[in-house]
Each structure stands twice: as structure tokens, then as C-alpha cells.
Amino acid sequence: MSLLCVRVKKAKLQGPPDKFNTYVTLKVQNVKSTTVAVRGDQPCWEQDFMFEISRLDLGLIVEVWNKGLIWDTLVGTVWIALKAIHQSDEEGPGEWSTLEAEVVMKHDEICGTKNPTPHKILLDTRFELPFALS
């Protein structure tokens, strides 16, 4: 079992700043976590999340949503293969990812994303080994 650490840092969104009140959802292995909503076209969340991972053949789904009065709309999504995430005991500077408009499915599971949007998100993802029980 591995411990996945994700820091949702910030985003660069294209459009008028007053149009955006965004939050981020992270989904992996049937677990979903959400950041707070932040206004503006360059939202900064700096929120940390941890997930216990038992299957490295899956991926992390990151979705950016814009809060609406009646319903929320998807700004974009990115899929990160768990196998592509490095192992480190220290937080890094993160990596910018382009948000895509659609997910790609294979055998009823998400395996990627397609159709790039002009929006980007900065994430720091890494695996830590869990502490040994004493």
C-alpha cells in the first residue's frame, strides 16, 4: 500500500476574472476530495490531500469546476497515471498540466483525457511510503 500526496497549488484560467469561482475535485480508487472555492482567473488553493493507494494501474482524476447559482460547470479535467507519479519525501515545485475537455474511457474506466482547453493547473503529486507501525 502506498500513500499518494497531492498538493493542489493554483490554476491559470482564460476569461474574465469575475466569471470564475472555482474548486478542484480529486478522484482516485472510488475516493473523492474537494478544495474550497476560490474566485478569480488565477485561483490559488495550496491544499494538501492524501490517499492510500493499493492499485497502481489506475489514475488520478483532477477536475476543475466553476460554481454556479443553480449548477456547477466543468472547466476542465486531467488524468494522471499513478505509475507516472514519482516517489519523494519532500514537496516539490509542482507541474503545470493543461486541462482537457473530455475523458477517454476503456473497459468502463477512465484511461486519459482529450481536447485541450486554454486552462492550466499546477499540481504537486508524489508517493510517500507509509510510516511503519511500531
N, C-alpha and C. Protein backbone atom coordinates (compact mmCIF):
# COMPACT_ATOMS: atom_id res chain seq x y z
N MET A 1 0.84 -1.17 0.00
CA MET A 1 0.00 0.00 0.00
C MET A 1 0.89 1.24 0.00
N SER A 2 0.59 2.20 -0.86
CA SER A 2 1.37 3.42 -0.97
C SER A 2 0.52 4.63 -0.60
N LEU A 3 1.18 5.69 -0.18
CA LEU A 3 0.49 6.91 0.20
C LEU A 3 0.71 7.96 -0.88
N LEU A 4 -0.38 8.36 -1.55
CA LEU A 4 -0.31 9.38 -2.60
C LEU A 4 -0.57 10.74 -1.96
N CYS A 5 0.38 11.66 -2.16
CA CYS A 5 0.25 13.02 -1.64
C CYS A 5 0.04 13.96 -2.82
N VAL A 6 -1.01 14.75 -2.76
CA VAL A 6 -1.31 15.70 -3.84
C VAL A 6 -1.49 17.08 -3.22
N ARG A 7 -0.76 18.05 -3.74
CA ARG A 7 -0.98 19.44 -3.35
C ARG A 7 -1.56 20.15 -4.56
N VAL A 8 -2.79 20.63 -4.40
CA VAL A 8 -3.43 21.44 -5.43
C VAL A 8 -2.95 22.86 -5.19
N LYS A 9 -2.11 23.36 -6.10
CA LYS A 9 -1.47 24.66 -5.88
C LYS A 9 -2.32 25.81 -6.44
N LYS A 10 -2.36 25.94 -7.76
CA LYS A 10 -3.09 27.06 -8.35
C LYS A 10 -3.44 26.75 -9.80
N ALA A 11 -4.17 27.68 -10.43
CA ALA A 11 -4.56 27.49 -11.82
C ALA A 11 -4.43 28.82 -12.57
N LYS A 12 -4.36 28.70 -13.89
CA LYS A 12 -4.42 29.86 -14.78
C LYS A 12 -5.60 29.61 -15.71
N LEU A 13 -6.65 30.42 -15.56
CA LEU A 13 -7.88 30.24 -16.32
C LEU A 13 -8.02 31.39 -17.31
N GLN A 14 -8.49 31.08 -18.52
CA GLN A 14 -8.67 32.10 -19.55
C GLN A 14 -10.10 32.62 -19.51
N GLY A 15 -10.25 33.93 -19.35
CA GLY A 15 -11.56 34.55 -19.30
C GLY A 15 -11.58 35.66 -18.27
N PRO A 16 -12.71 36.38 -18.17
CA PRO A 16 -12.81 37.47 -17.20
C PRO A 16 -12.71 36.94 -15.77
N PRO A 17 -11.89 37.59 -14.91
CA PRO A 17 -11.71 37.11 -13.54
C PRO A 17 -13.02 36.95 -12.76
N ASP A 18 -13.98 37.85 -13.00
CA ASP A 18 -15.24 37.78 -12.25
C ASP A 18 -16.15 36.64 -12.70
N LYS A 19 -15.75 35.94 -13.76
CA LYS A 19 -16.53 34.81 -14.26
C LYS A 19 -16.26 33.54 -13.45
N PHE A 20 -15.13 33.50 -12.74
CA PHE A 20 -14.70 32.25 -12.10
C PHE A 20 -14.83 32.26 -10.59
N ASN A 21 -15.41 31.18 -10.06
CA ASN A 21 -15.41 30.85 -8.63
C ASN A 21 -15.20 29.34 -8.61
N THR A 22 -13.95 28.91 -8.67
CA THR A 22 -13.62 27.52 -8.98
C THR A 22 -13.15 26.72 -7.77
N TYR A 23 -13.38 25.42 -7.89
CA TYR A 23 -12.86 24.46 -6.92
C TYR A 23 -12.36 23.24 -7.68
N VAL A 24 -11.58 22.42 -7.01
CA VAL A 24 -10.97 21.25 -7.65
C VAL A 24 -11.44 19.99 -6.93
N THR A 25 -11.80 18.96 -7.72
CA THR A 25 -12.09 17.65 -7.14
C THR A 25 -11.00 16.68 -7.58
N LEU A 26 -10.61 15.82 -6.66
CA LEU A 26 -9.63 14.77 -6.92
C LEU A 26 -10.34 13.44 -6.72
N LYS A 27 -10.21 12.53 -7.69
CA LYS A 27 -10.85 11.22 -7.59
C LYS A 27 -9.82 10.14 -7.88
N VAL A 28 -9.76 9.16 -6.96
CA VAL A 28 -8.87 8.02 -7.16
C VAL A 28 -9.42 6.85 -6.34
N GLN A 29 -9.49 5.68 -6.96
CA GLN A 29 -9.96 4.47 -6.26
C GLN A 29 -11.27 4.68 -5.49
N ASN A 30 -12.27 5.26 -6.12
CA ASN A 30 -13.59 5.48 -5.52
C ASN A 30 -13.57 6.43 -4.33
N VAL A 31 -12.53 7.24 -4.18
CA VAL A 31 -12.46 8.26 -3.13
C VAL A 31 -12.43 9.61 -3.83
N LYS A 32 -13.22 10.56 -3.29
CA LYS A 32 -13.29 11.89 -3.88
C LYS A 32 -13.02 12.94 -2.80
N SER A 33 -12.16 13.90 -3.11
CA SER A 33 -11.88 15.02 -2.21
C SER A 33 -12.02 16.32 -2.99
N THR A 34 -12.35 17.39 -2.28
CA THR A 34 -12.64 18.67 -2.93
C THR A 34 -11.96 19.83 -2.19
N THR A 35 -11.46 20.79 -2.95
CA THR A 35 -10.89 22.01 -2.36
C THR A 35 -12.03 22.98 -2.05
N VAL A 36 -11.68 24.09 -1.42
CA VAL A 36 -12.62 25.19 -1.24
C VAL A 36 -12.74 25.92 -2.58
N ALA A 37 -13.79 26.71 -2.75
CA ALA A 37 -13.96 27.51 -3.96
C ALA A 37 -13.18 28.82 -3.80
N VAL A 38 -12.51 29.22 -4.89
CA VAL A 38 -11.72 30.45 -4.89
C VAL A 38 -12.10 31.27 -6.12
N ARG A 39 -12.30 32.57 -5.93
CA ARG A 39 -12.68 33.46 -7.04
C ARG A 39 -11.47 33.92 -7.85
N GLY A 40 -11.71 34.24 -9.13
CA GLY A 40 -10.69 34.84 -9.98
C GLY A 40 -10.16 33.90 -11.04
N ASP A 41 -9.40 34.48 -12.00
CA ASP A 41 -8.87 33.70 -13.12
C ASP A 41 -7.50 33.09 -12.80
N GLN A 42 -6.95 33.38 -11.60
CA GLN A 42 -5.71 32.74 -11.16
C GLN A 42 -5.88 32.26 -9.72
N PRO A 43 -6.82 31.33 -9.52
CA PRO A 43 -7.11 30.87 -8.15
C PRO A 43 -5.90 30.15 -7.54
N CYS A 44 -5.72 30.34 -6.24
CA CYS A 44 -4.63 29.71 -5.51
C CYS A 44 -5.24 28.96 -4.33
N TRP A 45 -5.13 27.62 -4.35
CA TRP A 45 -5.73 26.80 -3.30
C TRP A 45 -4.71 26.38 -2.25
N GLU A 46 -3.54 25.90 -2.69
CA GLU A 46 -2.49 25.41 -1.78
C GLU A 46 -3.07 24.46 -0.73
N GLN A 47 -3.84 23.47 -1.19
CA GLN A 47 -4.44 22.47 -0.30
C GLN A 47 -3.82 21.11 -0.53
N ASP A 48 -3.58 20.39 0.57
CA ASP A 48 -2.95 19.07 0.53
C ASP A 48 -3.98 17.96 0.73
N PHE A 49 -3.79 16.87 -0.01
CA PHE A 49 -4.65 15.70 0.10
C PHE A 49 -3.78 14.45 0.13
N MET A 50 -4.24 13.42 0.85
CA MET A 50 -3.52 12.15 0.89
C MET A 50 -4.50 11.01 0.63
N PHE A 51 -4.04 10.04 -0.13
CA PHE A 51 -4.86 8.88 -0.48
C PHE A 51 -4.02 7.62 -0.29
N GLU A 52 -4.62 6.58 0.30
CA GLU A 52 -3.96 5.27 0.35
C GLU A 52 -4.25 4.56 -0.96
N ILE A 53 -3.20 4.13 -1.64
CA ILE A 53 -3.33 3.53 -2.96
C ILE A 53 -2.93 2.06 -2.90
N SER A 54 -3.81 1.20 -3.41
CA SER A 54 -3.49 -0.22 -3.45
C SER A 54 -3.31 -0.72 -4.89
N ARG A 55 -3.82 0.05 -5.87
CA ARG A 55 -3.71 -0.36 -7.28
C ARG A 55 -3.00 0.72 -8.09
N LEU A 56 -1.79 0.43 -8.51
CA LEU A 56 -1.02 1.41 -9.28
C LEU A 56 -1.38 1.42 -10.76
N ASP A 57 -2.30 0.54 -11.18
CA ASP A 57 -2.70 0.51 -12.59
C ASP A 57 -3.82 1.51 -12.87
N LEU A 58 -4.25 2.26 -11.87
CA LEU A 58 -5.32 3.24 -12.05
C LEU A 58 -4.72 4.63 -12.25
N GLY A 59 -5.59 5.64 -12.23
CA GLY A 59 -5.13 7.01 -12.39
C GLY A 59 -5.84 7.95 -11.45
N LEU A 60 -5.28 9.14 -11.33
CA LEU A 60 -5.86 10.22 -10.53
C LEU A 60 -6.60 11.14 -11.49
N ILE A 61 -7.88 11.39 -11.19
CA ILE A 61 -8.67 12.32 -11.99
C ILE A 61 -8.72 13.65 -11.24
N VAL A 62 -8.33 14.72 -11.92
CA VAL A 62 -8.39 16.06 -11.35
C VAL A 62 -9.37 16.86 -12.19
N GLU A 63 -10.40 17.41 -11.55
CA GLU A 63 -11.41 18.20 -12.25
C GLU A 63 -11.47 19.60 -11.64
N VAL A 64 -11.53 20.62 -12.50
CA VAL A 64 -11.74 21.99 -12.05
C VAL A 64 -13.18 22.36 -12.41
N TRP A 65 -13.92 22.80 -11.40
CA TRP A 65 -15.34 23.15 -11.55
C TRP A 65 -15.55 24.62 -11.25
N ASN A 66 -16.49 25.24 -11.97
CA ASN A 66 -16.88 26.63 -11.72
C ASN A 66 -18.24 26.61 -11.03
N LYS A 67 -18.30 27.18 -9.84
CA LYS A 67 -19.53 27.18 -9.05
C LYS A 67 -20.56 28.08 -9.70
N GLY A 68 -21.79 27.58 -9.83
CA GLY A 68 -22.87 28.36 -10.40
C GLY A 68 -24.01 28.53 -9.40
N LEU A 69 -24.97 29.38 -9.73
CA LEU A 69 -26.12 29.58 -8.85
C LEU A 69 -26.98 28.33 -8.76
N ILE A 70 -27.21 27.69 -9.90
CA ILE A 70 -28.08 26.51 -9.93
C ILE A 70 -27.25 25.23 -10.02
N TRP A 71 -26.30 25.20 -10.94
CA TRP A 71 -25.43 24.03 -11.06
C TRP A 71 -24.01 24.48 -11.39
N ASP A 72 -23.08 23.59 -11.12
CA ASP A 72 -21.67 23.87 -11.38
C ASP A 72 -21.30 23.34 -12.77
N THR A 73 -20.35 24.00 -13.41
CA THR A 73 -19.92 23.58 -14.75
C THR A 73 -18.45 23.16 -14.72
N LEU A 74 -18.14 22.14 -15.51
CA LEU A 74 -16.77 21.63 -15.59
C LEU A 74 -15.92 22.57 -16.44
N VAL A 75 -14.82 23.06 -15.87
CA VAL A 75 -13.88 23.91 -16.60
C VAL A 75 -12.93 23.03 -17.40
N GLY A 76 -12.49 21.93 -16.78
CA GLY A 76 -11.58 21.00 -17.46
C GLY A 76 -11.12 19.92 -16.52
N THR A 77 -10.49 18.91 -17.10
CA THR A 77 -10.05 17.75 -16.32
C THR A 77 -8.69 17.27 -16.82
N VAL A 78 -7.98 16.60 -15.94
CA VAL A 78 -6.71 15.97 -16.33
C VAL A 78 -6.64 14.61 -15.63
N TRP A 79 -6.10 13.62 -16.33
CA TRP A 79 -5.92 12.27 -15.79
C TRP A 79 -4.43 12.02 -15.67
N ILE A 80 -4.00 11.60 -14.49
CA ILE A 80 -2.58 11.32 -14.25
C ILE A 80 -2.44 9.85 -13.89
N ALA A 81 -1.70 9.10 -14.70
CA ALA A 81 -1.47 7.69 -14.42
C ALA A 81 -0.67 7.57 -13.12
N LEU A 82 -1.12 6.72 -12.20
CA LEU A 82 -0.42 6.56 -10.93
C LEU A 82 1.01 6.06 -11.13
N LYS A 83 1.21 5.25 -12.17
CA LYS A 83 2.56 4.73 -12.46
C LYS A 83 3.53 5.84 -12.84
N ALA A 84 3.01 6.99 -13.29
CA ALA A 84 3.86 8.09 -13.72
C ALA A 84 4.25 9.02 -12.57
N ILE A 85 3.70 8.80 -11.39
CA ILE A 85 3.97 9.67 -10.24
C ILE A 85 5.22 9.18 -9.51
N HIS A 86 6.14 10.09 -9.25
CA HIS A 86 7.42 9.74 -8.62
C HIS A 86 7.27 9.58 -7.11
N GLN A 87 8.29 9.00 -6.51
CA GLN A 87 8.31 8.82 -5.06
C GLN A 87 9.27 9.84 -4.46
N SER A 88 8.81 10.53 -3.41
CA SER A 88 9.64 11.53 -2.75
C SER A 88 9.09 11.80 -1.36
N ASP A 89 9.98 12.14 -0.44
CA ASP A 89 9.54 12.50 0.90
C ASP A 89 9.42 14.01 1.06
N GLU A 90 9.67 14.75 -0.01
CA GLU A 90 9.61 16.20 0.06
C GLU A 90 8.68 16.76 -1.00
N GLU A 91 8.00 17.84 -0.63
CA GLU A 91 7.14 18.53 -1.59
C GLU A 91 8.01 19.16 -2.66
N GLY A 92 7.52 19.16 -3.89
CA GLY A 92 8.26 19.75 -5.00
C GLY A 92 7.57 21.01 -5.50
N PRO A 93 8.12 21.60 -6.57
CA PRO A 93 7.55 22.83 -7.12
C PRO A 93 6.23 22.58 -7.85
N GLY A 94 5.97 21.33 -8.20
CA GLY A 94 4.75 21.01 -8.93
C GLY A 94 4.97 21.03 -10.43
N GLU A 95 3.93 20.66 -11.14
CA GLU A 95 3.99 20.59 -12.60
C GLU A 95 2.69 21.13 -13.18
N TRP A 96 2.82 22.00 -14.20
CA TRP A 96 1.63 22.54 -14.86
C TRP A 96 1.05 21.50 -15.81
N SER A 97 -0.26 21.34 -15.76
CA SER A 97 -0.96 20.43 -16.67
C SER A 97 -2.07 21.20 -17.37
N THR A 98 -2.22 20.94 -18.67
CA THR A 98 -3.32 21.53 -19.42
C THR A 98 -4.60 20.77 -19.10
N LEU A 99 -5.66 21.52 -18.80
CA LEU A 99 -6.95 20.88 -18.56
C LEU A 99 -7.58 20.51 -19.89
N GLU A 100 -8.17 19.34 -19.94
CA GLU A 100 -8.80 18.84 -21.16
C GLU A 100 -10.32 18.88 -21.00
N ALA A 101 -11.04 18.85 -22.11
CA ALA A 101 -12.49 18.97 -22.08
C ALA A 101 -13.21 17.63 -21.89
N GLU A 102 -12.56 16.52 -22.25
CA GLU A 102 -13.23 15.21 -22.20
C GLU A 102 -12.33 14.13 -21.61
N VAL A 103 -12.98 13.11 -21.04
CA VAL A 103 -12.24 11.94 -20.57
C VAL A 103 -12.31 10.84 -21.62
N VAL A 104 -11.31 9.98 -21.65
CA VAL A 104 -11.26 8.83 -22.55
C VAL A 104 -11.51 7.58 -21.71
N MET A 105 -12.48 6.76 -22.14
CA MET A 105 -12.85 5.56 -21.40
C MET A 105 -12.35 4.31 -22.13
N LYS A 106 -11.97 3.30 -21.33
CA LYS A 106 -11.60 1.99 -21.87
C LYS A 106 -12.04 0.95 -20.85
N HIS A 107 -12.87 0.03 -21.26
CA HIS A 107 -13.40 -1.01 -20.37
C HIS A 107 -14.03 -0.39 -19.12
N ASP A 108 -14.87 0.63 -19.32
CA ASP A 108 -15.60 1.31 -18.24
C ASP A 108 -14.70 2.01 -17.22
N GLU A 109 -13.45 2.26 -17.56
CA GLU A 109 -12.56 3.00 -16.67
C GLU A 109 -11.91 4.14 -17.44
N ILE A 110 -11.70 5.26 -16.76
CA ILE A 110 -11.04 6.40 -17.39
C ILE A 110 -9.56 6.06 -17.59
N CYS A 111 -9.07 6.30 -18.81
CA CYS A 111 -7.67 5.99 -19.11
C CYS A 111 -6.93 7.19 -19.69
N GLY A 112 -7.59 8.34 -19.73
CA GLY A 112 -6.93 9.53 -20.27
C GLY A 112 -7.92 10.66 -20.48
N THR A 113 -7.43 11.75 -21.06
CA THR A 113 -8.27 12.90 -21.39
C THR A 113 -7.91 13.39 -22.78
N LYS A 114 -8.81 14.18 -23.38
CA LYS A 114 -8.55 14.71 -24.72
C LYS A 114 -9.23 16.07 -24.88
N ASN A 115 -8.92 16.74 -25.98
CA ASN A 115 -9.45 18.06 -26.33
C ASN A 115 -9.00 19.14 -25.34
N PRO A 116 -7.76 19.63 -25.50
CA PRO A 116 -7.21 20.63 -24.58
C PRO A 116 -8.03 21.91 -24.52
N THR A 117 -8.09 22.48 -23.33
CA THR A 117 -8.71 23.80 -23.12
C THR A 117 -7.55 24.80 -22.95
N PRO A 118 -7.84 26.10 -22.87
CA PRO A 118 -6.77 27.07 -22.63
C PRO A 118 -6.37 27.17 -21.15
N HIS A 119 -7.01 26.38 -20.29
CA HIS A 119 -6.79 26.46 -18.85
C HIS A 119 -5.69 25.50 -18.39
N LYS A 120 -4.96 25.90 -17.32
CA LYS A 120 -3.89 25.07 -16.76
C LYS A 120 -4.01 25.00 -15.25
N ILE A 121 -3.50 23.88 -14.68
CA ILE A 121 -3.49 23.71 -13.23
C ILE A 121 -2.10 23.26 -12.79
N LEU A 122 -1.68 23.75 -11.62
CA LEU A 122 -0.38 23.40 -11.05
C LEU A 122 -0.60 22.45 -9.88
N LEU A 123 -0.05 21.23 -10.03
CA LEU A 123 -0.20 20.19 -9.01
C LEU A 123 1.17 19.65 -8.62
N ASP A 124 1.31 19.30 -7.35
CA ASP A 124 2.49 18.55 -6.91
C ASP A 124 1.99 17.18 -6.48
N THR A 125 2.39 16.14 -7.20
CA THR A 125 1.96 14.78 -6.88
C THR A 125 3.19 13.94 -6.59
N ARG A 126 3.10 13.12 -5.53
CA ARG A 126 4.21 12.25 -5.17
C ARG A 126 3.71 11.12 -4.30
N PHE A 127 4.46 10.04 -4.30
CA PHE A 127 4.18 8.92 -3.41
C PHE A 127 5.13 8.96 -2.23
N GLU A 128 4.60 8.76 -1.04
CA GLU A 128 5.41 8.56 0.16
C GLU A 128 5.15 7.15 0.64
N LEU A 129 6.15 6.53 1.23
CA LEU A 129 5.91 5.24 1.87
C LEU A 129 5.25 5.49 3.21
N PRO A 130 4.22 4.72 3.56
CA PRO A 130 3.58 4.94 4.86
C PRO A 130 4.55 4.62 6.00
N PHE A 131 4.35 5.28 7.12
CA PHE A 131 5.20 5.02 8.30
C PHE A 131 4.95 3.60 8.79
N ALA A 132 6.01 2.94 9.21
CA ALA A 132 5.88 1.58 9.75
C ALA A 132 5.18 1.65 11.11
N LEU A 133 4.29 0.71 11.33
CA LEU A 133 3.60 0.66 12.63
C LEU A 133 4.57 0.12 13.67
N SER A 134 4.63 0.78 14.82
CA SER A 134 5.56 0.31 15.86
C SER A 134 4.82 -0.28 17.03
